[in-house]
Amino acid sequence: AVGGMVLMGSPGTAGTLASTAVLVSAVNIGGGFMITQRMLDMFKRPGDPEEHNDVYVLPAAVLGGGAIVGSVLGFSEMTNMAYLGA
């Protein structure tokens, strides 16, 4: 995944393959978290408090939105900061 991130800005086939590798890695990581949560849910008791795991999406949405806004408005520094934060 790290090598793909380094090469993502490359033009041509290398950039396309790198972007594809990063996408596949992200799907793999997300699937791993989903499977882990399903396994942990097997050990829940009826009296356990409710979990709010959906709140973890907010930082990703803010950083992703910052990257999109920065690239649309032409602020390369803002785009780089959102990229590094993600």
Protein backbone atom coordinates (compact mmCIF):
# COMPACT_ATOMS: atom_id res chain seq x y z
CA ALA A 1 0.00 0.00 0.00
CA VAL A 2 2.81 2.42 0.82
CA GLY A 3 4.59 1.80 -2.48
CA GLY A 4 1.34 2.42 -4.31
CA MET A 5 0.85 5.71 -2.48
CA VAL A 6 4.35 6.80 -3.45
CA LEU A 7 3.74 6.01 -7.12
CA MET A 8 0.16 7.28 -7.35
CA GLY A 9 1.23 10.59 -8.86
CA SER A 10 3.15 8.94 -11.68
CA PRO A 11 1.80 9.37 -15.20
CA GLY A 12 0.76 6.47 -17.35
CA THR A 13 0.45 2.82 -16.50
CA ALA A 14 2.49 3.03 -13.27
CA GLY A 15 0.10 5.58 -11.78
CA THR A 16 -2.94 3.56 -12.80
CA LEU A 17 -1.57 0.35 -11.33
CA ALA A 18 -0.53 2.19 -8.16
CA SER A 19 -4.00 3.69 -7.74
CA THR A 20 -5.56 0.28 -8.25
CA ALA A 21 -3.21 -1.25 -5.68
CA VAL A 22 -4.12 1.42 -3.11
CA LEU A 23 -7.84 0.88 -3.75
CA VAL A 24 -7.53 -2.90 -3.35
CA SER A 25 -5.49 -2.43 -0.17
CA ALA A 26 -8.10 -0.07 1.27
CA VAL A 27 -10.87 -2.57 0.55
CA ASN A 28 -8.80 -5.32 2.17
CA ILE A 29 -8.19 -3.26 5.30
CA GLY A 30 -11.84 -2.25 5.56
CA GLY A 31 -12.95 -5.86 5.16
CA GLY A 32 -10.56 -6.91 7.90
CA PHE A 33 -12.12 -4.39 10.28
CA MET A 34 -15.62 -5.59 9.38
CA ILE A 35 -14.74 -9.24 10.02
CA THR A 36 -13.06 -8.34 13.32
CA GLN A 37 -16.17 -6.44 14.44
CA ARG A 38 -18.38 -9.39 13.56
CA MET A 39 -16.19 -11.70 15.63
CA LEU A 40 -16.26 -9.30 18.59
CA ASP A 41 -20.06 -9.05 18.31
CA MET A 42 -20.29 -12.77 19.03
CA PHE A 43 -19.11 -12.11 22.59
CA LYS A 44 -21.59 -9.32 23.41
CA ARG A 45 -23.89 -9.76 26.35
CA PRO A 46 -27.49 -8.51 26.31
CA GLY A 47 -26.73 -5.88 28.98
CA ASP A 48 -23.70 -4.32 27.26
CA PRO A 49 -23.99 -0.61 26.34
CA GLU A 50 -24.56 0.39 22.74
CA GLU A 51 -21.46 1.17 20.67
CA HIS A 52 -21.20 4.22 18.42
CA ASN A 53 -18.70 3.02 15.82
CA ASP A 54 -20.25 5.13 13.08
CA VAL A 55 -18.64 8.23 14.62
CA TYR A 56 -15.27 7.06 13.26
CA VAL A 57 -16.43 8.04 9.77
CA LEU A 58 -16.46 11.76 10.62
CA PRO A 59 -12.68 12.40 10.56
CA ALA A 60 -12.36 10.54 7.26
CA ALA A 61 -15.20 12.61 5.79
CA VAL A 62 -13.64 15.87 6.98
CA LEU A 63 -10.18 15.02 5.64
CA GLY A 64 -11.57 13.69 2.38
CA GLY A 65 -13.75 16.77 1.97
CA GLY A 66 -10.71 18.97 2.65
CA ALA A 67 -8.74 17.20 -0.04
CA ILE A 68 -11.57 17.57 -2.55
CA VAL A 69 -12.19 21.24 -1.75
CA GLY A 70 -8.46 21.96 -1.88
CA SER A 71 -8.04 20.35 -5.27
CA VAL A 72 -11.13 22.06 -6.71
CA LEU A 73 -10.09 25.51 -5.47
CA GLY A 74 -6.46 25.01 -6.48
CA PHE A 75 -4.92 25.13 -2.99
CA SER A 76 -2.12 22.61 -3.33
CA GLU A 77 -1.02 23.11 0.31
CA MET A 78 -4.49 22.32 1.63
CA THR A 79 -4.69 19.23 -0.55
CA ASN A 80 -1.29 18.04 0.68
CA MET A 81 -2.25 18.59 4.34
CA ALA A 82 -5.48 16.64 3.93
CA TYR A 83 -3.57 13.90 2.12
CA LEU A 84 -1.02 13.66 4.91
CA GLY A 85 -3.72 13.70 7.57
CA ALA A 86 -5.57 10.85 5.92
